[in-house]
C-alpha cells in the first residue's frame, strides 16, 4: 500500500447507486480535459448495449480508453497535467484480473503506488460488494475478498472518498 496520499478521488457504492453519474459530475466540474478508462468487457449482447449506452450518455466531451486488464499502464500512458481521468470500474477490473490469473497483490500495489505520482486528477469508481451474505462458492468469496482489500488500499491512498447510496453521496474522507 502506498504511504503517501494522492489527489485521487474514490467513489464507492452498490450497483445502480448513482456512483458513475456522481463521478462524471465531479470530473465535469473540474473543467479539465476528460478521459474515461473503461475496464468492462462486452461478453454478451446485454453488456454491449450497456457499453454503447454509457458512451452515448457521456457524449463527445470524453475521450474513451478501453483497458480491461492493464489499467496502470493505460493510466500512465494518458497521464498529463490538465486532464481528469475517470476509471469505471475497479470491480470489473478485478474480475478481468482473476479470469486472466494475474497476481492480484502486485496489480493492486501497482495501482496504489501510481496514484500519488499521477499528474492527472483521477476519479476511481468501484462497487461495494461486502454488504451481502457470504458467497456460497470459492471464486465469489475470493472476488469479494479481493475487492475488499483493493478498496481499503485505494481509500487509504485517495484524498477523498465518497460512498453513494440511492444517488446520494456521503463524503467519507477529505
N, C-alpha and C. Protein backbone atom coordinates (compact mmCIF):
# COMPACT_ATOMS: atom_id res chain seq x y z
N UNK A 1 0.84 -1.17 0.00
CA UNK A 1 0.00 0.00 0.00
C UNK A 1 0.89 1.23 0.00
N UNK A 2 0.46 2.22 -0.75
CA UNK A 2 1.20 3.47 -0.82
C UNK A 2 1.09 4.22 0.50
N UNK A 3 2.19 4.79 0.95
CA UNK A 3 2.16 5.52 2.20
C UNK A 3 1.80 6.99 1.99
N UNK A 4 1.99 7.50 0.77
CA UNK A 4 1.64 8.90 0.53
C UNK A 4 0.26 8.98 -0.11
N UNK A 5 -0.41 10.08 0.20
CA UNK A 5 -1.76 10.27 -0.31
C UNK A 5 -1.71 10.99 -1.64
N UNK A 6 -2.56 10.58 -2.55
CA UNK A 6 -2.65 11.18 -3.86
C UNK A 6 -3.74 12.25 -3.87
N UNK A 7 -3.99 12.80 -5.02
CA UNK A 7 -5.13 13.70 -5.22
C UNK A 7 -6.32 12.93 -5.79
N UNK A 8 -6.24 11.62 -5.81
CA UNK A 8 -7.31 10.79 -6.36
C UNK A 8 -8.57 10.89 -5.53
N UNK A 9 -9.68 10.66 -6.21
CA UNK A 9 -10.99 10.61 -5.56
C UNK A 9 -11.54 9.21 -5.80
N UNK A 10 -11.99 8.56 -4.74
CA UNK A 10 -12.53 7.20 -4.81
C UNK A 10 -14.03 7.28 -4.56
N UNK A 11 -14.80 6.72 -5.50
CA UNK A 11 -16.26 6.72 -5.40
C UNK A 11 -16.73 5.27 -5.34
N UNK A 12 -17.36 4.93 -4.23
CA UNK A 12 -17.77 3.56 -3.94
C UNK A 12 -19.27 3.52 -3.73
N UNK A 13 -19.92 2.45 -4.19
CA UNK A 13 -21.35 2.31 -3.96
C UNK A 13 -21.84 0.99 -4.53
N UNK A 14 -23.11 0.72 -4.31
CA UNK A 14 -23.71 -0.50 -4.82
C UNK A 14 -24.07 -0.37 -6.30
N UNK A 15 -24.51 -1.48 -6.87
CA UNK A 15 -24.97 -1.48 -8.27
C UNK A 15 -26.14 -0.53 -8.41
N UNK A 16 -26.09 0.29 -9.45
CA UNK A 16 -27.16 1.25 -9.76
C UNK A 16 -27.40 2.26 -8.64
N UNK A 17 -26.35 2.58 -7.90
CA UNK A 17 -26.46 3.53 -6.79
C UNK A 17 -26.33 4.98 -7.25
N UNK A 18 -25.82 5.19 -8.46
CA UNK A 18 -25.57 6.54 -8.95
C UNK A 18 -24.11 6.93 -8.87
N UNK A 19 -23.23 5.96 -8.58
CA UNK A 19 -21.82 6.29 -8.38
C UNK A 19 -21.14 6.77 -9.66
N UNK A 20 -21.43 6.16 -10.79
CA UNK A 20 -20.80 6.58 -12.04
C UNK A 20 -21.24 7.99 -12.43
N UNK A 21 -22.51 8.25 -12.29
CA UNK A 21 -23.03 9.59 -12.61
C UNK A 21 -22.39 10.63 -11.69
N UNK A 22 -22.28 10.33 -10.41
CA UNK A 22 -21.65 11.24 -9.46
C UNK A 22 -20.19 11.50 -9.87
N UNK A 23 -19.46 10.43 -10.23
CA UNK A 23 -18.06 10.57 -10.64
C UNK A 23 -17.94 11.42 -11.90
N UNK A 24 -18.84 11.22 -12.85
CA UNK A 24 -18.82 12.02 -14.07
C UNK A 24 -19.06 13.49 -13.76
N UNK A 25 -19.98 13.77 -12.83
CA UNK A 25 -20.24 15.16 -12.44
C UNK A 25 -19.03 15.79 -11.75
N UNK A 26 -18.34 15.01 -10.91
CA UNK A 26 -17.13 15.52 -10.27
C UNK A 26 -16.13 15.97 -11.33
N UNK A 27 -15.93 15.13 -12.33
CA UNK A 27 -14.97 15.46 -13.38
C UNK A 27 -15.45 16.63 -14.22
N UNK A 28 -16.72 16.66 -14.54
CA UNK A 28 -17.26 17.78 -15.32
C UNK A 28 -17.01 19.10 -14.61
N UNK A 29 -17.16 19.11 -13.29
CA UNK A 29 -16.96 20.33 -12.51
C UNK A 29 -15.49 20.76 -12.43
N UNK A 30 -14.57 19.87 -12.76
CA UNK A 30 -13.14 20.22 -12.70
C UNK A 30 -12.72 21.12 -13.86
N UNK A 31 -13.45 21.06 -14.96
CA UNK A 31 -13.12 21.89 -16.12
C UNK A 31 -11.85 21.46 -16.84
N UNK A 32 -11.46 20.23 -16.68
CA UNK A 32 -10.26 19.69 -17.32
C UNK A 32 -10.64 18.82 -18.52
N UNK A 33 -9.66 18.50 -19.33
CA UNK A 33 -9.85 17.56 -20.45
C UNK A 33 -10.29 16.23 -19.86
N UNK A 34 -11.38 15.66 -20.38
CA UNK A 34 -12.00 14.47 -19.79
C UNK A 34 -11.59 13.18 -20.50
N UNK A 35 -11.11 12.25 -19.69
CA UNK A 35 -10.77 10.92 -20.20
C UNK A 35 -11.50 9.88 -19.36
N UNK A 36 -11.95 8.83 -20.04
CA UNK A 36 -12.73 7.76 -19.40
C UNK A 36 -12.02 6.44 -19.69
N UNK A 37 -11.59 5.76 -18.64
CA UNK A 37 -10.96 4.45 -18.81
C UNK A 37 -11.99 3.39 -18.39
N UNK A 38 -12.44 2.65 -19.38
CA UNK A 38 -13.45 1.61 -19.17
C UNK A 38 -12.75 0.26 -19.00
N UNK A 39 -13.11 -0.44 -17.92
CA UNK A 39 -12.50 -1.74 -17.66
C UNK A 39 -13.42 -2.90 -18.03
N UNK A 40 -14.66 -2.59 -18.40
CA UNK A 40 -15.62 -3.64 -18.72
C UNK A 40 -15.35 -4.30 -20.05
N UNK A 41 -15.80 -5.52 -20.15
CA UNK A 41 -15.72 -6.28 -21.40
C UNK A 41 -17.13 -6.64 -21.85
N UNK A 42 -17.32 -6.60 -23.15
CA UNK A 42 -18.63 -6.93 -23.72
C UNK A 42 -18.69 -8.44 -23.97
N UNK A 43 -19.04 -9.18 -22.92
CA UNK A 43 -19.10 -10.64 -23.03
C UNK A 43 -20.38 -11.10 -23.72
N UNK A 44 -21.42 -10.27 -23.71
CA UNK A 44 -22.69 -10.67 -24.31
C UNK A 44 -23.41 -9.43 -24.86
N UNK A 45 -24.57 -9.65 -25.50
CA UNK A 45 -25.31 -8.55 -26.11
C UNK A 45 -25.76 -7.51 -25.09
N UNK A 46 -26.18 -7.97 -23.93
CA UNK A 46 -26.64 -7.04 -22.90
C UNK A 46 -25.51 -6.10 -22.47
N UNK A 47 -24.30 -6.65 -22.30
CA UNK A 47 -23.17 -5.82 -21.90
C UNK A 47 -22.76 -4.88 -23.04
N UNK A 48 -22.85 -5.34 -24.28
CA UNK A 48 -22.55 -4.48 -25.43
C UNK A 48 -23.51 -3.29 -25.46
N UNK A 49 -24.78 -3.55 -25.17
CA UNK A 49 -25.78 -2.48 -25.12
C UNK A 49 -25.49 -1.50 -23.99
N UNK A 50 -25.12 -2.00 -22.83
CA UNK A 50 -24.78 -1.12 -21.70
C UNK A 50 -23.61 -0.20 -22.04
N UNK A 51 -22.58 -0.79 -22.64
CA UNK A 51 -21.39 -0.02 -23.02
C UNK A 51 -21.76 1.07 -24.03
N UNK A 52 -22.54 0.70 -25.04
CA UNK A 52 -22.97 1.68 -26.05
C UNK A 52 -23.80 2.80 -25.41
N UNK A 53 -24.66 2.44 -24.48
CA UNK A 53 -25.49 3.46 -23.81
C UNK A 53 -24.64 4.39 -22.97
N UNK A 54 -23.65 3.83 -22.26
CA UNK A 54 -22.75 4.67 -21.45
C UNK A 54 -21.99 5.65 -22.34
N UNK A 55 -21.50 5.17 -23.48
CA UNK A 55 -20.78 6.05 -24.40
C UNK A 55 -21.68 7.17 -24.89
N UNK A 56 -22.90 6.81 -25.27
CA UNK A 56 -23.85 7.81 -25.77
C UNK A 56 -24.19 8.83 -24.68
N UNK A 57 -24.37 8.36 -23.46
CA UNK A 57 -24.70 9.25 -22.34
C UNK A 57 -23.57 10.25 -22.06
N UNK A 58 -22.32 9.81 -22.19
CA UNK A 58 -21.18 10.69 -21.92
C UNK A 58 -21.03 11.75 -23.01
N UNK A 59 -21.34 11.38 -24.23
CA UNK A 59 -21.21 12.34 -25.32
C UNK A 59 -19.79 12.52 -25.81
N UNK A 60 -19.60 13.58 -26.60
CA UNK A 60 -18.32 13.82 -27.27
C UNK A 60 -17.29 14.54 -26.40
N UNK A 61 -17.65 14.91 -25.20
CA UNK A 61 -16.72 15.63 -24.34
C UNK A 61 -15.68 14.72 -23.69
N UNK A 62 -15.86 13.42 -23.83
CA UNK A 62 -14.98 12.45 -23.19
C UNK A 62 -14.18 11.68 -24.24
N UNK A 63 -12.91 11.44 -23.95
CA UNK A 63 -12.12 10.52 -24.75
C UNK A 63 -12.11 9.18 -24.02
N UNK A 64 -12.57 8.13 -24.69
CA UNK A 64 -12.70 6.82 -24.05
C UNK A 64 -11.51 5.92 -24.37
N UNK A 65 -11.03 5.25 -23.33
CA UNK A 65 -9.95 4.27 -23.45
C UNK A 65 -10.48 2.97 -22.84
N UNK A 66 -10.35 1.88 -23.54
CA UNK A 66 -10.80 0.59 -23.01
C UNK A 66 -9.59 -0.24 -22.66
N UNK A 67 -9.51 -0.62 -21.40
CA UNK A 67 -8.41 -1.47 -20.96
C UNK A 67 -8.87 -2.34 -19.81
N UNK A 68 -9.26 -3.57 -20.11
CA UNK A 68 -9.82 -4.44 -19.08
C UNK A 68 -8.80 -5.03 -18.10
N UNK A 69 -7.51 -5.01 -18.46
CA UNK A 69 -6.52 -5.65 -17.59
C UNK A 69 -5.36 -4.74 -17.23
N UNK A 70 -4.74 -4.11 -18.20
CA UNK A 70 -3.52 -3.34 -17.96
C UNK A 70 -3.84 -1.89 -17.59
N UNK A 71 -4.59 -1.75 -16.50
CA UNK A 71 -5.09 -0.45 -16.06
C UNK A 71 -3.97 0.54 -15.74
N UNK A 72 -2.99 0.12 -14.99
CA UNK A 72 -1.93 1.03 -14.57
C UNK A 72 -1.12 1.50 -15.78
N UNK A 73 -0.84 0.61 -16.71
CA UNK A 73 -0.12 1.01 -17.93
C UNK A 73 -0.94 2.02 -18.72
N UNK A 74 -2.23 1.82 -18.81
CA UNK A 74 -3.10 2.76 -19.52
C UNK A 74 -3.11 4.12 -18.82
N UNK A 75 -3.25 4.11 -17.50
CA UNK A 75 -3.25 5.37 -16.76
C UNK A 75 -1.93 6.11 -16.96
N UNK A 76 -0.83 5.40 -16.91
CA UNK A 76 0.48 6.03 -17.10
C UNK A 76 0.60 6.61 -18.51
N UNK A 77 0.05 5.91 -19.50
CA UNK A 77 0.15 6.36 -20.90
C UNK A 77 -0.64 7.64 -21.16
N UNK A 78 -1.73 7.85 -20.45
CA UNK A 78 -2.56 9.04 -20.70
C UNK A 78 -2.39 10.11 -19.64
N UNK A 79 -1.54 9.87 -18.66
CA UNK A 79 -1.36 10.80 -17.54
C UNK A 79 -0.74 12.10 -18.01
N UNK A 80 -1.39 13.23 -17.68
CA UNK A 80 -0.85 14.55 -18.04
C UNK A 80 -1.56 15.63 -17.23
N UNK A 81 -0.85 16.72 -16.97
CA UNK A 81 -1.46 17.89 -16.35
C UNK A 81 -2.64 18.33 -17.20
N UNK A 82 -3.65 18.86 -16.56
CA UNK A 82 -4.79 19.40 -17.30
C UNK A 82 -5.82 18.36 -17.70
N UNK A 83 -5.63 17.14 -17.25
CA UNK A 83 -6.57 16.06 -17.57
C UNK A 83 -7.24 15.54 -16.31
N UNK A 84 -8.47 15.12 -16.48
CA UNK A 84 -9.18 14.39 -15.44
C UNK A 84 -9.51 13.02 -16.02
N UNK A 85 -9.23 11.98 -15.27
CA UNK A 85 -9.41 10.61 -15.75
C UNK A 85 -10.36 9.87 -14.81
N UNK A 86 -11.42 9.34 -15.40
CA UNK A 86 -12.39 8.52 -14.67
C UNK A 86 -12.12 7.06 -14.98
N UNK A 87 -11.93 6.25 -13.95
CA UNK A 87 -11.76 4.80 -14.10
C UNK A 87 -13.06 4.15 -13.63
N UNK A 88 -13.72 3.45 -14.52
CA UNK A 88 -15.00 2.81 -14.21
C UNK A 88 -15.02 1.41 -14.80
N UNK A 89 -14.93 0.36 -14.02
CA UNK A 89 -14.83 0.40 -12.58
C UNK A 89 -13.81 -0.62 -12.12
N UNK A 90 -13.41 -0.47 -10.86
CA UNK A 90 -12.38 -1.35 -10.30
C UNK A 90 -12.86 -2.78 -10.11
N UNK A 91 -14.13 -2.97 -9.81
CA UNK A 91 -14.60 -4.35 -9.61
C UNK A 91 -14.62 -5.13 -10.92
N UNK A 92 -14.92 -4.48 -12.04
CA UNK A 92 -14.80 -5.18 -13.33
C UNK A 92 -13.34 -5.51 -13.60
N UNK A 93 -12.45 -4.59 -13.25
CA UNK A 93 -11.01 -4.83 -13.41
C UNK A 93 -10.59 -6.05 -12.58
N UNK A 94 -11.08 -6.16 -11.35
CA UNK A 94 -10.77 -7.32 -10.52
C UNK A 94 -11.21 -8.61 -11.20
N UNK A 95 -12.43 -8.62 -11.72
CA UNK A 95 -12.93 -9.80 -12.43
C UNK A 95 -12.01 -10.18 -13.57
N UNK A 96 -11.61 -9.20 -14.36
CA UNK A 96 -10.74 -9.46 -15.51
C UNK A 96 -9.38 -9.99 -15.07
N UNK A 97 -8.84 -9.43 -13.99
CA UNK A 97 -7.56 -9.92 -13.47
C UNK A 97 -7.68 -11.36 -13.00
N UNK A 98 -8.77 -11.66 -12.31
CA UNK A 98 -8.98 -13.03 -11.84
C UNK A 98 -9.08 -14.00 -13.01
N UNK A 99 -9.83 -13.63 -14.04
CA UNK A 99 -10.01 -14.50 -15.20
C UNK A 99 -8.69 -14.72 -15.93
N UNK A 100 -7.82 -13.71 -15.91
CA UNK A 100 -6.52 -13.80 -16.57
C UNK A 100 -5.46 -14.40 -15.65
N UNK A 101 -5.86 -14.76 -14.41
CA UNK A 101 -4.96 -15.36 -13.42
C UNK A 101 -3.73 -14.48 -13.16
N UNK A 102 -3.96 -13.19 -13.02
CA UNK A 102 -2.90 -12.24 -12.74
C UNK A 102 -2.60 -12.23 -11.24
N UNK A 103 -1.45 -11.71 -10.89
CA UNK A 103 -1.03 -11.58 -9.49
C UNK A 103 -1.78 -10.39 -8.90
N UNK A 104 -2.81 -10.65 -8.13
CA UNK A 104 -3.68 -9.61 -7.62
C UNK A 104 -2.93 -8.63 -6.72
N UNK A 105 -2.12 -9.15 -5.82
CA UNK A 105 -1.38 -8.27 -4.90
C UNK A 105 -0.47 -7.33 -5.67
N UNK A 106 0.20 -7.83 -6.68
CA UNK A 106 1.11 -6.99 -7.48
C UNK A 106 0.33 -5.94 -8.27
N UNK A 107 -0.80 -6.33 -8.84
CA UNK A 107 -1.62 -5.38 -9.61
C UNK A 107 -2.17 -4.29 -8.70
N UNK A 108 -2.66 -4.68 -7.53
CA UNK A 108 -3.21 -3.71 -6.59
C UNK A 108 -2.13 -2.74 -6.11
N UNK A 109 -0.95 -3.29 -5.80
CA UNK A 109 0.16 -2.45 -5.34
C UNK A 109 0.57 -1.47 -6.44
N UNK A 110 0.62 -1.94 -7.67
CA UNK A 110 1.00 -1.05 -8.78
C UNK A 110 0.01 0.11 -8.91
N UNK A 111 -1.27 -0.18 -8.76
CA UNK A 111 -2.26 0.89 -8.86
C UNK A 111 -2.09 1.89 -7.72
N UNK A 112 -2.02 1.41 -6.50
CA UNK A 112 -1.94 2.34 -5.37
C UNK A 112 -0.61 3.09 -5.34
N UNK A 113 0.44 2.50 -5.89
CA UNK A 113 1.73 3.21 -5.99
C UNK A 113 1.68 4.27 -7.08
N UNK A 114 0.85 4.07 -8.10
CA UNK A 114 0.73 5.06 -9.18
C UNK A 114 -0.05 6.29 -8.73
N UNK A 115 -1.05 6.10 -7.88
CA UNK A 115 -1.96 7.20 -7.53
C UNK A 115 -1.25 8.47 -7.08
N UNK A 116 -0.30 8.43 -6.14
CA UNK A 116 0.34 9.69 -5.73
C UNK A 116 1.26 10.30 -6.79
N UNK A 117 1.63 9.53 -7.80
CA UNK A 117 2.51 10.02 -8.86
C UNK A 117 1.73 10.68 -10.00
N UNK A 118 0.44 10.43 -10.08
CA UNK A 118 -0.37 10.89 -11.21
C UNK A 118 -0.39 12.41 -11.29
N UNK A 119 -0.24 12.92 -12.50
CA UNK A 119 -0.38 14.35 -12.75
C UNK A 119 -1.83 14.69 -13.08
N UNK A 120 -2.56 13.70 -13.61
CA UNK A 120 -3.99 13.86 -13.90
C UNK A 120 -4.77 13.84 -12.60
N UNK A 121 -5.96 14.40 -12.61
CA UNK A 121 -6.90 14.23 -11.50
C UNK A 121 -7.63 12.92 -11.76
N UNK A 122 -7.50 11.97 -10.88
CA UNK A 122 -8.08 10.65 -11.05
C UNK A 122 -9.33 10.50 -10.19
N UNK A 123 -10.36 9.92 -10.79
CA UNK A 123 -11.57 9.54 -10.07
C UNK A 123 -11.79 8.07 -10.36
N UNK A 124 -11.76 7.25 -9.31
CA UNK A 124 -11.90 5.80 -9.46
C UNK A 124 -13.23 5.36 -8.88
N UNK A 125 -13.96 4.55 -9.64
CA UNK A 125 -15.29 4.07 -9.24
C UNK A 125 -15.21 2.57 -8.99
N UNK A 126 -15.94 2.12 -7.96
CA UNK A 126 -15.99 0.69 -7.69
C UNK A 126 -17.29 0.32 -6.99
N UNK A 127 -17.65 -0.94 -7.10
CA UNK A 127 -18.85 -1.47 -6.45
C UNK A 127 -18.50 -2.02 -5.08
N UNK A 128 -19.23 -1.59 -4.07
CA UNK A 128 -19.07 -2.17 -2.74
C UNK A 128 -19.82 -3.50 -2.75
N UNK A 129 -19.10 -4.58 -2.52
CA UNK A 129 -19.70 -5.92 -2.57
C UNK A 129 -19.66 -6.62 -1.22
N UNK A 130 -19.21 -5.93 -0.19
CA UNK A 130 -19.03 -6.57 1.11
C UNK A 130 -20.22 -6.51 2.04
N UNK A 131 -21.36 -5.97 1.60
CA UNK A 131 -22.52 -5.85 2.48
C UNK A 131 -23.43 -7.08 2.48
N UNK A 132 -23.24 -7.94 1.51
CA UNK A 132 -24.15 -9.07 1.37
C UNK A 132 -23.74 -10.28 2.19
N UNK A 133 -24.42 -11.37 1.92
CA UNK A 133 -24.12 -12.62 2.60
C UNK A 133 -22.79 -13.19 2.10
N UNK A 134 -22.24 -14.13 2.82
CA UNK A 134 -21.01 -14.79 2.39
C UNK A 134 -21.36 -15.64 1.17
N UNK A 135 -20.66 -15.41 0.05
CA UNK A 135 -20.97 -16.18 -1.16
C UNK A 135 -20.78 -17.68 -0.94
N UNK A 136 -21.56 -18.47 -1.67
CA UNK A 136 -21.54 -19.92 -1.48
C UNK A 136 -20.42 -20.61 -2.24
N UNK A 137 -19.72 -19.89 -3.15
CA UNK A 137 -18.65 -20.58 -3.87
C UNK A 137 -17.32 -19.84 -3.70
N UNK A 138 -16.27 -20.61 -3.88
CA UNK A 138 -14.92 -20.11 -3.61
C UNK A 138 -14.55 -18.90 -4.46
N UNK A 139 -14.85 -18.95 -5.76
CA UNK A 139 -14.47 -17.84 -6.64
C UNK A 139 -15.17 -16.54 -6.22
N UNK A 140 -16.44 -16.63 -5.88
CA UNK A 140 -17.17 -15.44 -5.45
C UNK A 140 -16.62 -14.90 -4.13
N UNK A 141 -16.24 -15.80 -3.23
CA UNK A 141 -15.63 -15.35 -1.97
C UNK A 141 -14.28 -14.68 -2.22
N UNK A 142 -13.48 -15.26 -3.12
CA UNK A 142 -12.19 -14.66 -3.46
C UNK A 142 -12.39 -13.28 -4.09
N UNK A 143 -13.38 -13.15 -4.97
CA UNK A 143 -13.68 -11.86 -5.59
C UNK A 143 -14.02 -10.83 -4.52
N UNK A 144 -14.93 -11.20 -3.62
CA UNK A 144 -15.33 -10.29 -2.54
C UNK A 144 -14.13 -9.88 -1.70
N UNK A 145 -13.27 -10.83 -1.38
CA UNK A 145 -12.08 -10.55 -0.58
C UNK A 145 -11.10 -9.64 -1.32
N UNK A 146 -10.88 -9.92 -2.61
CA UNK A 146 -10.00 -9.06 -3.41
C UNK A 146 -10.55 -7.63 -3.46
N UNK A 147 -11.86 -7.51 -3.67
CA UNK A 147 -12.48 -6.18 -3.74
C UNK A 147 -12.30 -5.44 -2.41
N UNK A 148 -12.53 -6.13 -1.32
CA UNK A 148 -12.37 -5.50 -0.01
C UNK A 148 -10.95 -5.01 0.23
N UNK A 149 -9.97 -5.83 -0.14
CA UNK A 149 -8.57 -5.43 0.03
C UNK A 149 -8.24 -4.23 -0.85
N UNK A 150 -8.63 -4.30 -2.12
CA UNK A 150 -8.33 -3.19 -3.03
C UNK A 150 -9.02 -1.91 -2.58
N UNK A 151 -10.26 -2.00 -2.15
CA UNK A 151 -10.98 -0.81 -1.69
C UNK A 151 -10.26 -0.15 -0.52
N UNK A 152 -9.77 -0.94 0.41
CA UNK A 152 -9.04 -0.38 1.55
C UNK A 152 -7.77 0.32 1.09
N UNK A 153 -7.07 -0.28 0.15
CA UNK A 153 -5.82 0.29 -0.36
C UNK A 153 -6.08 1.60 -1.11
N UNK A 154 -7.09 1.59 -1.98
CA UNK A 154 -7.39 2.79 -2.77
C UNK A 154 -7.92 3.90 -1.87
N UNK A 155 -8.77 3.55 -0.92
CA UNK A 155 -9.29 4.56 0.01
C UNK A 155 -8.15 5.19 0.81
N UNK A 156 -7.21 4.39 1.27
CA UNK A 156 -6.08 4.91 2.05
C UNK A 156 -5.22 5.84 1.20
N UNK A 157 -5.09 5.56 -0.08
CA UNK A 157 -4.23 6.33 -0.97
C UNK A 157 -4.95 7.51 -1.63
N UNK A 158 -6.23 7.67 -1.40
CA UNK A 158 -7.02 8.73 -2.04
C UNK A 158 -7.20 9.93 -1.12
N UNK A 159 -7.29 11.10 -1.73
CA UNK A 159 -7.51 12.33 -0.97
C UNK A 159 -8.95 12.44 -0.49
N UNK A 160 -9.88 11.95 -1.33
CA UNK A 160 -11.30 11.99 -0.99
C UNK A 160 -11.92 10.63 -1.28
N UNK A 161 -12.89 10.25 -0.45
CA UNK A 161 -13.64 9.01 -0.65
C UNK A 161 -15.12 9.33 -0.44
N UNK A 162 -15.95 8.89 -1.38
CA UNK A 162 -17.40 9.05 -1.29
C UNK A 162 -18.06 7.69 -1.34
N UNK A 163 -19.11 7.54 -0.58
CA UNK A 163 -19.98 6.37 -0.68
C UNK A 163 -21.32 6.87 -1.22
N UNK A 164 -21.82 6.20 -2.26
CA UNK A 164 -23.07 6.61 -2.90
C UNK A 164 -24.14 5.56 -2.62
N UNK A 165 -25.30 6.02 -2.18
CA UNK A 165 -26.48 5.16 -1.99
C UNK A 165 -27.70 5.94 -2.43
N UNK A 166 -28.55 5.31 -3.24
CA UNK A 166 -29.77 5.94 -3.74
C UNK A 166 -29.49 7.29 -4.40
N UNK A 167 -28.34 7.39 -5.07
CA UNK A 167 -27.98 8.61 -5.76
C UNK A 167 -27.45 9.71 -4.87
N UNK A 168 -27.32 9.44 -3.58
CA UNK A 168 -26.87 10.45 -2.63
C UNK A 168 -25.45 10.17 -2.17
N UNK A 169 -24.57 11.18 -2.26
CA UNK A 169 -23.19 10.98 -1.84
C UNK A 169 -23.00 11.23 -0.34
N UNK A 170 -22.21 10.37 0.27
CA UNK A 170 -21.78 10.55 1.64
C UNK A 170 -20.26 10.68 1.58
N UNK A 171 -19.73 11.83 1.96
CA UNK A 171 -18.28 12.03 1.94
C UNK A 171 -17.69 11.36 3.16
N UNK A 172 -16.80 10.41 2.92
CA UNK A 172 -16.21 9.62 4.00
C UNK A 172 -14.80 10.08 4.37
N UNK A 173 -14.14 10.76 3.42
CA UNK A 173 -12.77 11.20 3.64
C UNK A 173 -12.51 12.45 2.82
N UNK A 174 -11.73 13.37 3.37
CA UNK A 174 -11.30 14.54 2.61
C UNK A 174 -12.10 15.78 2.90
